[in-house]
Amino acid sequence: MNEPLAERIRPKSLDDYVSQQHLVGETGSLRNQIKKGLIPSLILWGPPGTGKTTLANIIANESDRPFYTLSAISSGVKEVREVIDKAKQSGGLFTSKNPILFIDEIHRFSKSQQDSLLAAVEKGWVTLIGATTENPSFEVIPALLSRCQVYILNSFGKEDLEALLHRALIKDKWLQSKNIQLKETEALLRLSGGDGRKLLNIFELIVSAEESDTVFITDEKVMQRVQKNTVLYDKTGEQHYDIISAFIKSIRGSDPNGAVYWLARMIEGGEDVKFIARRMLILASEDIGNANPTALIMANNTFQAVSTIGYPESRILLSQCAIYLATSPKSNASYTAINEAQQLVRQTGDLSVPLHLRNAPTKLMKELGYGDEYKYAHSYENNFTQQDFLPESIKGTKLYDPGQNQRENGIREFLQNRWKGFYKY
């Protein structure tokens, strides 16, 4: 029993596949394409343990196509080209069933590695199936993404996880050799976090720890056993979200010590550097904003740098940025302003643009008064003159309220001097 349980019971057909009914159910869009033999190049995007690799194998089996696989962790451009050459040869001249090239964790491929796939996909030498846990809009180059359809896989729900457990009991010979009683399953389901592979790993751990052939699965037994074997940081589970939350809240709360500690927890756990940097980039605008506009520049440069460098050196850049953000003055005024503006739009609908603000590229538009009475700011003293920039029915509505910090206090004074009688600052 060298193979893990998840591998031993891996489904071979769509009928055995658990979950993702929106894709492979009786009316699922992907099932229809598979049955018709019309397999496009595609990206399977979803959390770990949701069946991406399994689905790729099933697609190859059901469509009777040669199947080649690469891991983005261990493969470079050289390996990609070698596999593409093999795939071209196996495709032959007299078959429309071009081989499938499956790339696990395609988001880890560099731009040059992804570029090396373009010709093969475009010319139909291979049908690409990429699997990713990251948003492909950020991690897959536009040229490659435009040639692929993206399918989203969801975390397993309660019914899916229970079905997976019962399928394991029926399909696996080792489990069949034991008398397993599922008395309680809540702890198993909760600890899995919607990850089917993790569920089966925990289940196998509990069963293998019992010396007797009769095994009673209870919530208490599961928690006791898992607590003895759990890792300090699970970058795909609940603790992943708890620790990034603690990290963000430490920066928001201006505590560089807390920020660096939680950063270290993520680094030691092998968290994706771009995930950490992306969260700091969002925070730089949401929680600091115009209190220190340089924070956004700092965070963006950090994101670009760690995307190029990676571990271990990027830990220093992440630390510098986290400390800078934590010690910056804070303001959520920009975040609040756009929230209020969107809410106002939802309430008031598509209000007409005032005539003086409209563009007038044609003679008719000019005759209708488009652009009339618009005051060109640079024609006035200090490059400013008061005029309405909002629709008539919401005139005078203040959406941006500067925060209470040194820089935005200056912004408030600037606005007060400019907009007396219009807005109350």
Protein backbone atom coordinates (compact mmCIF):
# COMPACT_ATOMS: atom_id res chain seq x y z
CA MET A 1 0.00 0.00 0.00
CA ASN A 2 2.55 2.56 -1.18
CA GLU A 3 0.11 4.77 -3.05
CA PRO A 4 -2.03 7.19 -1.00
CA LEU A 5 -5.75 6.51 -0.83
CA ALA A 6 -6.59 9.48 -3.07
CA GLU A 7 -4.43 7.99 -5.83
CA ARG A 8 -5.73 4.44 -5.39
CA ILE A 9 -9.35 5.44 -5.93
CA ARG A 10 -8.79 8.14 -8.54
CA PRO A 11 -11.81 8.04 -10.92
CA LYS A 12 -11.23 6.86 -14.48
CA SER A 13 -14.51 8.03 -16.02
CA LEU A 14 -16.97 10.92 -15.79
CA ASP A 15 -19.58 8.66 -14.20
CA ASP A 16 -17.24 7.98 -11.25
CA TYR A 17 -16.19 11.62 -10.92
CA VAL A 18 -17.47 13.30 -7.75
CA SER A 19 -18.59 16.96 -7.68
CA GLN A 20 -18.36 19.76 -10.29
CA GLN A 21 -21.79 18.91 -11.66
CA HIS A 22 -21.98 22.33 -13.32
CA LEU A 23 -19.17 21.12 -15.60
CA VAL A 24 -19.54 17.34 -15.89
CA GLY A 25 -23.11 16.65 -14.81
CA GLU A 26 -25.66 15.41 -17.34
CA THR A 27 -26.15 18.94 -18.67
CA GLY A 28 -22.64 20.21 -17.87
CA SER A 29 -20.95 22.25 -20.59
CA LEU A 30 -17.67 20.36 -20.40
CA ARG A 31 -19.35 16.92 -20.48
CA ASN A 32 -21.11 17.85 -23.71
CA GLN A 33 -17.85 18.87 -25.34
CA ILE A 34 -16.11 15.69 -24.19
CA LYS A 35 -18.90 13.49 -25.54
CA LYS A 36 -18.76 15.28 -28.89
CA GLY A 37 -14.98 14.95 -28.99
CA LEU A 38 -14.61 18.73 -29.27
CA ILE A 39 -11.97 19.37 -26.64
CA PRO A 40 -10.67 22.96 -26.61
CA SER A 41 -7.49 24.04 -24.91
CA LEU A 42 -8.58 24.95 -21.41
CA ILE A 43 -7.57 26.13 -17.96
CA LEU A 44 -9.01 24.37 -14.90
CA TRP A 45 -9.06 26.92 -12.08
CA GLY A 46 -9.97 25.91 -8.56
CA PRO A 47 -8.73 25.28 -5.01
CA PRO A 48 -6.47 22.30 -4.21
CA GLY A 49 -8.14 18.92 -4.03
CA THR A 50 -11.09 19.70 -6.30
CA GLY A 51 -10.23 17.16 -9.01
CA LYS A 52 -8.34 19.18 -11.63
CA THR A 53 -5.72 16.51 -12.37
CA THR A 54 -8.33 13.76 -12.26
CA LEU A 55 -10.55 15.62 -14.71
CA ALA A 56 -7.65 16.12 -17.11
CA ASN A 57 -6.93 12.37 -17.07
CA ILE A 58 -10.61 11.56 -17.60
CA ILE A 59 -10.82 13.93 -20.57
CA ALA A 60 -7.89 12.11 -22.17
CA ASN A 61 -9.43 8.68 -21.44
CA GLU A 62 -12.92 9.59 -22.64
CA SER A 63 -11.62 11.19 -25.83
CA ASP A 64 -9.05 8.42 -26.47
CA ARG A 65 -6.14 10.80 -26.92
CA PRO A 66 -2.41 10.53 -26.13
CA PHE A 67 -1.73 12.18 -22.77
CA TYR A 68 1.42 14.03 -21.78
CA THR A 69 1.96 15.72 -18.46
CA LEU A 70 4.37 18.31 -17.09
CA SER A 71 4.74 19.89 -13.69
CA ALA A 72 5.43 23.61 -13.71
CA ILE A 73 7.55 23.15 -10.59
CA SER A 74 10.15 20.89 -12.23
CA SER A 75 9.90 21.64 -15.96
CA GLY A 76 11.61 24.34 -18.00
CA VAL A 77 11.39 25.53 -21.60
CA LYS A 78 13.60 22.62 -22.71
CA GLU A 79 11.23 20.03 -21.21
CA VAL A 80 8.20 21.81 -22.71
CA ARG A 81 9.69 21.70 -26.21
CA GLU A 82 10.69 18.03 -25.86
CA VAL A 83 7.15 17.05 -24.86
CA ILE A 84 5.62 19.12 -27.66
CA ASP A 85 7.92 17.38 -30.20
CA LYS A 86 6.80 13.97 -28.89
CA ALA A 87 3.16 15.05 -28.97
CA LYS A 88 3.47 16.24 -32.59
CA GLN A 89 4.86 12.86 -33.61
CA SER A 90 2.21 10.87 -31.73
CA GLY A 91 -0.60 12.94 -33.23
CA GLY A 92 0.14 11.66 -36.72
CA LEU A 93 -1.06 13.05 -40.02
CA PHE A 94 -4.34 11.17 -40.33
CA THR A 95 -6.09 11.85 -37.03
CA SER A 96 -8.03 14.81 -35.69
CA LYS A 97 -7.37 13.69 -32.12
CA ASN A 98 -4.38 15.80 -31.27
CA PRO A 99 -2.59 14.84 -28.03
CA ILE A 100 -3.40 16.43 -24.70
CA LEU A 101 -0.65 18.24 -22.82
CA PHE A 102 -1.51 18.62 -19.14
CA ILE A 103 0.46 21.17 -17.10
CA ASP A 104 -0.09 21.12 -13.37
CA GLU A 105 0.31 24.43 -11.51
CA ILE A 106 0.63 26.33 -14.78
CA HIS A 107 0.60 29.60 -12.79
CA ARG A 108 4.18 28.77 -11.74
CA PHE A 109 5.39 28.89 -15.35
CA SER A 110 7.39 32.00 -16.23
CA LYS A 111 6.46 34.18 -19.20
CA SER A 112 9.11 32.53 -21.40
CA GLN A 113 7.83 29.07 -20.45
CA GLN A 114 4.27 30.07 -21.29
CA ASP A 115 5.44 31.68 -24.53
CA SER A 116 6.95 28.33 -25.56
CA LEU A 117 3.44 26.82 -25.54
CA LEU A 118 1.84 29.37 -27.87
CA ALA A 119 2.77 27.91 -31.25
CA ALA A 120 1.77 24.37 -30.23
CA VAL A 121 -1.63 25.52 -29.00
CA GLU A 122 -2.27 27.91 -31.90
CA LYS A 123 -1.34 25.36 -34.59
CA GLY A 124 -3.23 22.55 -32.89
CA TRP A 125 -0.21 20.32 -32.26
CA VAL A 126 -1.55 19.78 -28.74
CA THR A 127 -4.67 20.48 -26.74
CA LEU A 128 -3.45 22.24 -23.63
CA ILE A 129 -5.05 21.60 -20.24
CA GLY A 130 -3.59 23.75 -17.50
CA ALA A 131 -4.44 23.41 -13.82
CA THR A 132 -4.11 26.35 -11.45
CA THR A 133 -5.14 27.40 -7.96
CA GLU A 134 -4.51 31.05 -8.85
CA ASN A 135 -6.64 33.45 -10.88
CA PRO A 136 -5.50 32.83 -14.48
CA SER A 137 -6.20 36.48 -15.34
CA PHE A 138 -3.19 37.35 -13.19
CA GLU A 139 -0.97 34.32 -13.71
CA VAL A 140 -1.41 33.25 -17.36
CA ILE A 141 -0.11 35.50 -20.13
CA PRO A 142 -2.91 37.13 -22.22
CA ALA A 143 -1.79 35.53 -25.50
CA LEU A 144 -2.11 32.03 -24.01
CA LEU A 145 -5.23 32.79 -21.99
CA SER A 146 -7.04 34.05 -25.09
CA ARG A 147 -6.50 30.66 -26.72
CA CYS A 148 -7.99 28.73 -23.80
CA GLN A 149 -11.39 28.40 -22.20
CA VAL A 150 -11.40 28.81 -18.41
CA TYR A 151 -13.45 26.41 -16.29
CA ILE A 152 -13.91 27.07 -12.58
CA LEU A 153 -13.92 24.14 -10.14
CA ASN A 154 -15.52 24.68 -6.73
CA SER A 155 -14.51 23.38 -3.32
CA PHE A 156 -16.33 20.18 -2.41
CA GLY A 157 -19.59 20.61 -0.51
CA LYS A 158 -20.80 18.38 2.32
CA GLU A 159 -22.63 15.97 0.02
CA ASP A 160 -19.62 15.71 -2.28
CA LEU A 161 -17.26 14.94 0.60
CA GLU A 162 -19.59 12.33 2.06
CA ALA A 163 -19.93 10.73 -1.37
CA LEU A 164 -16.14 10.65 -1.65
CA LEU A 165 -15.83 8.87 1.71
CA HIS A 166 -18.40 6.23 0.79
CA ARG A 167 -16.80 5.76 -2.62
CA ALA A 168 -13.47 5.10 -0.89
CA LEU A 169 -15.06 2.48 1.35
CA ILE A 170 -16.51 0.69 -1.67
CA LYS A 171 -13.58 0.98 -4.10
CA ASP A 172 -10.45 0.53 -1.97
CA LYS A 173 -9.41 -3.06 -1.19
CA TRP A 174 -7.43 -2.10 1.92
CA LEU A 175 -10.40 -0.29 3.43
CA GLN A 176 -12.63 -3.24 2.49
CA SER A 177 -10.40 -5.51 4.57
CA LYS A 178 -11.39 -3.58 7.69
CA ASN A 179 -14.65 -3.11 9.53
CA ILE A 180 -14.99 0.68 9.38
CA GLN A 181 -17.90 2.35 11.13
CA LEU A 182 -18.49 6.03 10.29
CA LYS A 183 -20.13 7.08 13.55
CA GLU A 184 -19.44 10.78 13.07
CA THR A 185 -18.04 12.69 10.09
CA GLU A 186 -18.34 16.38 11.05
CA ALA A 187 -14.68 16.72 12.08
CA LEU A 188 -13.47 14.97 8.94
CA LEU A 189 -15.53 17.24 6.71
CA ARG A 190 -14.56 20.41 8.57
CA LEU A 191 -10.83 19.65 8.60
CA SER A 192 -10.88 18.91 4.87
CA GLY A 193 -11.83 22.50 4.08
CA GLY A 194 -13.59 21.34 0.91
CA ASP A 195 -10.40 19.62 -0.31
CA GLY A 196 -11.20 16.07 -1.42
CA ARG A 197 -7.58 14.89 -1.38
CA LYS A 198 -7.07 16.26 2.12
CA LEU A 199 -10.24 14.49 3.30
CA LEU A 200 -8.97 11.14 2.03
CA ASN A 201 -5.50 11.73 3.51
CA ILE A 202 -6.98 12.40 6.95
CA PHE A 203 -9.33 9.44 6.65
CA GLU A 204 -6.45 7.13 5.74
CA LEU A 205 -4.38 8.52 8.60
CA ILE A 206 -7.13 7.73 11.13
CA VAL A 207 -7.72 4.21 9.82
CA SER A 208 -4.04 3.30 9.57
CA ALA A 209 -3.44 4.43 13.16
CA GLU A 210 -5.83 1.77 14.47
CA GLU A 211 -4.31 -1.62 15.33
CA SER A 212 -7.66 -3.39 15.26
CA ASP A 213 -9.46 -4.28 12.04
CA THR A 214 -12.58 -2.72 13.53
CA VAL A 215 -12.39 1.07 13.31
CA PHE A 216 -14.94 3.48 14.76
CA ILE A 217 -14.65 6.98 13.26
CA THR A 218 -15.75 9.67 15.74
CA ASP A 219 -15.15 13.42 15.82
CA GLU A 220 -13.12 13.13 19.01
CA LYS A 221 -10.83 10.46 17.56
CA VAL A 222 -10.30 12.48 14.39
CA MET A 223 -9.35 15.65 16.29
CA GLN A 224 -6.96 13.81 18.60
CA ARG A 225 -5.16 12.08 15.78
CA VAL A 226 -4.96 15.10 13.46
CA GLN A 227 -3.66 17.39 16.23
CA LYS A 228 -0.70 15.03 16.65
CA ASN A 229 0.12 15.08 12.96
CA THR A 230 -0.94 18.52 11.73
CA VAL A 231 1.54 20.96 10.20
CA LEU A 232 2.09 24.43 11.62
CA TYR A 233 0.86 26.14 8.47
CA ASP A 234 -1.50 24.77 5.87
CA LYS A 235 -1.43 27.13 2.92
CA THR A 236 -4.59 25.63 1.45
CA GLY A 237 -6.75 25.36 4.56
CA GLU A 238 -8.47 27.45 7.20
CA GLN A 239 -5.21 28.51 8.87
CA HIS A 240 -4.07 30.00 5.57
CA TYR A 241 -6.88 32.55 5.79
CA ASP A 242 -6.47 33.09 9.53
CA ILE A 243 -2.78 33.94 9.21
CA ILE A 244 -3.12 36.25 6.22
CA SER A 245 -5.93 37.96 8.15
CA ALA A 246 -3.64 38.40 11.18
CA PHE A 247 -0.91 39.74 8.88
CA ILE A 248 -3.18 42.33 7.25
CA LYS A 249 -4.71 43.40 10.55
CA SER A 250 -1.25 43.84 12.09
CA ILE A 251 -0.25 46.19 9.26
CA ARG A 252 -3.57 48.03 9.45
CA GLY A 253 -3.04 48.37 13.21
CA SER A 254 0.45 49.87 12.64
CA ASP A 255 2.32 47.04 14.42
CA PRO A 256 5.46 46.10 12.44
CA ASN A 257 6.32 43.37 14.97
CA GLY A 258 3.05 41.53 14.45
CA ALA A 259 3.32 42.05 10.69
CA VAL A 260 6.81 40.52 10.47
CA TYR A 261 5.87 37.61 12.74
CA TRP A 262 2.86 36.58 10.65
CA LEU A 263 4.91 37.16 7.51
CA ALA A 264 7.52 34.73 8.85
CA ARG A 265 4.79 32.17 9.55
CA MET A 266 3.71 32.34 5.91
CA ILE A 267 7.27 32.21 4.57
CA GLU A 268 8.15 29.18 6.72
CA GLY A 269 4.98 27.50 5.49
CA GLY A 270 5.96 28.00 1.85
CA GLU A 271 3.25 30.53 0.99
CA ASP A 272 3.30 31.93 -2.55
CA VAL A 273 5.30 35.18 -2.51
CA LYS A 274 2.97 36.79 -5.05
CA PHE A 275 -0.05 36.05 -2.88
CA ILE A 276 1.56 37.92 0.04
CA ALA A 277 2.72 40.81 -2.15
CA ARG A 278 -0.69 41.10 -3.83
CA ARG A 279 -2.43 41.43 -0.47
CA MET A 280 -0.02 44.20 0.56
CA LEU A 281 -0.69 45.97 -2.75
CA ILE A 282 -4.42 46.02 -1.99
CA LEU A 283 -3.81 47.17 1.58
CA ALA A 284 -1.58 50.05 0.43
CA SER A 285 -4.61 51.63 -1.23
CA GLU A 286 -7.42 50.40 1.03
CA ASP A 287 -5.85 51.20 4.41
CA ILE A 288 -3.20 53.85 3.65
CA GLY A 289 -4.30 55.59 0.48
CA ASN A 290 -3.59 59.31 0.26
CA ALA A 291 -2.26 59.43 3.79
CA ASN A 292 0.94 58.20 2.13
CA PRO A 293 0.60 57.69 -1.66
CA THR A 294 4.16 56.34 -1.83
CA ALA A 295 2.93 53.21 -0.05
CA LEU A 296 1.15 52.10 -3.23
CA ILE A 297 4.33 52.62 -5.26
CA MET A 298 6.33 50.69 -2.68
CA ALA A 299 3.85 47.80 -2.65
CA ASN A 300 3.65 47.66 -6.46
CA ASN A 301 7.43 47.63 -6.82
CA THR A 302 7.60 44.87 -4.20
CA PHE A 303 5.05 42.80 -6.14
CA GLN A 304 7.03 43.22 -9.37
CA ALA A 305 10.33 42.42 -7.65
CA VAL A 306 9.25 39.25 -5.83
CA SER A 307 7.57 38.00 -9.01
CA THR A 308 11.03 38.03 -10.58
CA ILE A 309 13.16 36.95 -7.63
CA GLY A 310 11.20 34.38 -5.62
CA TYR A 311 12.42 32.70 -2.45
CA PRO A 312 14.62 32.94 -0.44
CA GLU A 313 15.75 36.50 -1.26
CA SER A 314 12.22 37.86 -1.67
CA ARG A 315 11.60 37.42 2.08
CA ILE A 316 13.75 40.53 2.63
CA LEU A 317 11.72 42.60 0.17
CA LEU A 318 8.46 41.41 1.72
CA SER A 319 9.73 42.30 5.18
CA GLN A 320 10.80 45.79 4.10
CA CYS A 321 7.44 46.47 2.47
CA ALA A 322 5.42 45.07 5.40
CA ILE A 323 7.34 47.26 7.87
CA TYR A 324 6.95 50.33 5.65
CA LEU A 325 3.21 49.81 5.33
CA ALA A 326 2.79 49.12 9.04
CA THR A 327 4.60 52.34 9.97
CA SER A 328 2.77 54.50 7.42
CA PRO A 329 -0.11 56.80 8.45
CA LYS A 330 -3.47 55.16 7.77
CA SER A 331 -6.56 56.25 5.87
CA ASN A 332 -9.45 54.31 4.33
CA ALA A 333 -10.96 57.45 2.78
CA SER A 334 -10.42 56.30 -0.83
CA TYR A 335 -11.93 52.90 -0.03
CA THR A 336 -14.94 54.51 1.63
CA ALA A 337 -15.36 57.02 -1.21
CA ILE A 338 -15.65 54.42 -3.97
CA ASN A 339 -18.02 52.31 -1.84
CA GLU A 340 -20.31 55.30 -1.30
CA ALA A 341 -20.08 56.32 -4.96
CA GLN A 342 -21.07 52.83 -6.14
CA GLN A 343 -23.96 52.76 -3.68
CA LEU A 344 -25.13 56.14 -4.99
CA VAL A 345 -25.00 54.86 -8.57
CA ARG A 346 -27.09 51.82 -7.62
CA GLN A 347 -29.67 54.08 -5.95
CA THR A 348 -29.91 56.76 -8.63
CA GLY A 349 -29.30 54.75 -11.82
CA ASP A 350 -27.87 56.13 -15.06
CA LEU A 351 -28.13 59.86 -14.52
CA SER A 352 -27.50 62.02 -17.58
CA VAL A 353 -24.13 63.67 -18.03
CA PRO A 354 -24.57 67.47 -17.73
CA LEU A 355 -24.42 69.16 -21.15
CA HIS A 356 -21.38 71.25 -20.34
CA LEU A 357 -19.35 68.10 -19.55
CA ARG A 358 -20.28 66.20 -22.71
CA ASN A 359 -17.93 65.58 -25.60
CA ALA A 360 -18.82 67.32 -28.89
CA PRO A 361 -16.98 65.62 -31.78
CA THR A 362 -19.69 66.34 -34.40
CA LYS A 363 -21.40 69.49 -35.68
CA LEU A 364 -24.82 68.26 -34.53
CA MET A 365 -23.59 67.72 -30.99
CA LYS A 366 -22.18 71.23 -30.93
CA GLU A 367 -25.49 72.61 -32.19
CA LEU A 368 -27.27 70.71 -29.40
CA GLY A 369 -25.14 72.48 -26.81
CA TYR A 370 -22.74 69.70 -25.94
CA GLY A 371 -19.75 71.23 -24.17
CA ASP A 372 -21.29 74.71 -23.97
CA GLU A 373 -20.53 76.64 -20.77
CA TYR A 374 -17.72 74.28 -19.84
CA LYS A 375 -15.03 76.22 -18.01
CA TYR A 376 -11.49 75.19 -18.92
CA ALA A 377 -9.70 75.16 -15.55
CA HIS A 378 -6.33 76.27 -16.93
CA SER A 379 -7.85 79.49 -18.25
CA TYR A 380 -8.47 80.70 -14.68
CA GLU A 381 -6.30 81.87 -11.82
CA ASN A 382 -4.58 79.01 -9.98
CA ASN A 383 -5.89 76.68 -12.71
CA PHE A 384 -9.27 76.43 -11.00
CA THR A 385 -12.82 77.72 -11.17
CA GLN A 386 -15.97 76.40 -9.54
CA GLN A 387 -18.43 74.48 -11.71
CA ASP A 388 -20.73 71.47 -11.36
CA PHE A 389 -19.23 68.06 -12.10
CA LEU A 390 -22.12 65.93 -10.85
CA PRO A 391 -25.59 65.36 -12.34
CA GLU A 392 -28.15 67.97 -11.26
CA SER A 393 -30.14 65.65 -8.95
CA ILE A 394 -27.09 64.76 -6.80
CA LYS A 395 -25.32 68.12 -6.98
CA GLY A 396 -23.32 68.88 -3.84
CA THR A 397 -23.03 65.25 -2.72
CA LYS A 398 -19.68 64.74 -0.99
CA LEU A 399 -18.25 61.28 -1.53
CA TYR A 400 -14.61 61.77 -0.57
CA ASP A 401 -14.03 62.79 3.05
CA PRO A 402 -10.28 63.19 3.72
CA GLY A 403 -8.89 61.15 6.60
CA GLN A 404 -7.51 62.53 9.83
CA ASN A 405 -3.78 62.56 9.06
CA GLN A 406 -1.18 65.14 8.17
CA ARG A 407 -1.33 64.78 4.42
CA GLU A 408 -5.09 64.52 4.10
CA ASN A 409 -5.54 67.42 6.50
CA GLY A 410 -3.69 69.40 3.83
CA ILE A 411 -6.00 67.96 1.18
CA ARG A 412 -9.03 68.97 3.28
CA GLU A 413 -7.75 72.55 3.56
CA PHE A 414 -7.12 72.62 -0.19
CA LEU A 415 -10.68 71.43 -0.92
CA GLN A 416 -12.23 73.81 1.61
CA ASN A 417 -10.57 76.75 -0.11
CA ARG A 418 -11.61 75.59 -3.57
CA TRP A 419 -15.17 74.43 -2.93
CA LYS A 420 -16.74 76.87 -0.52
CA GLY A 421 -20.48 76.86 -1.08
CA PHE A 422 -20.37 73.57 -3.01
CA TYR A 423 -19.18 70.86 -0.62
CA LYS A 424 -18.82 70.83 3.16
CA TYR A 425 -15.30 69.72 4.15
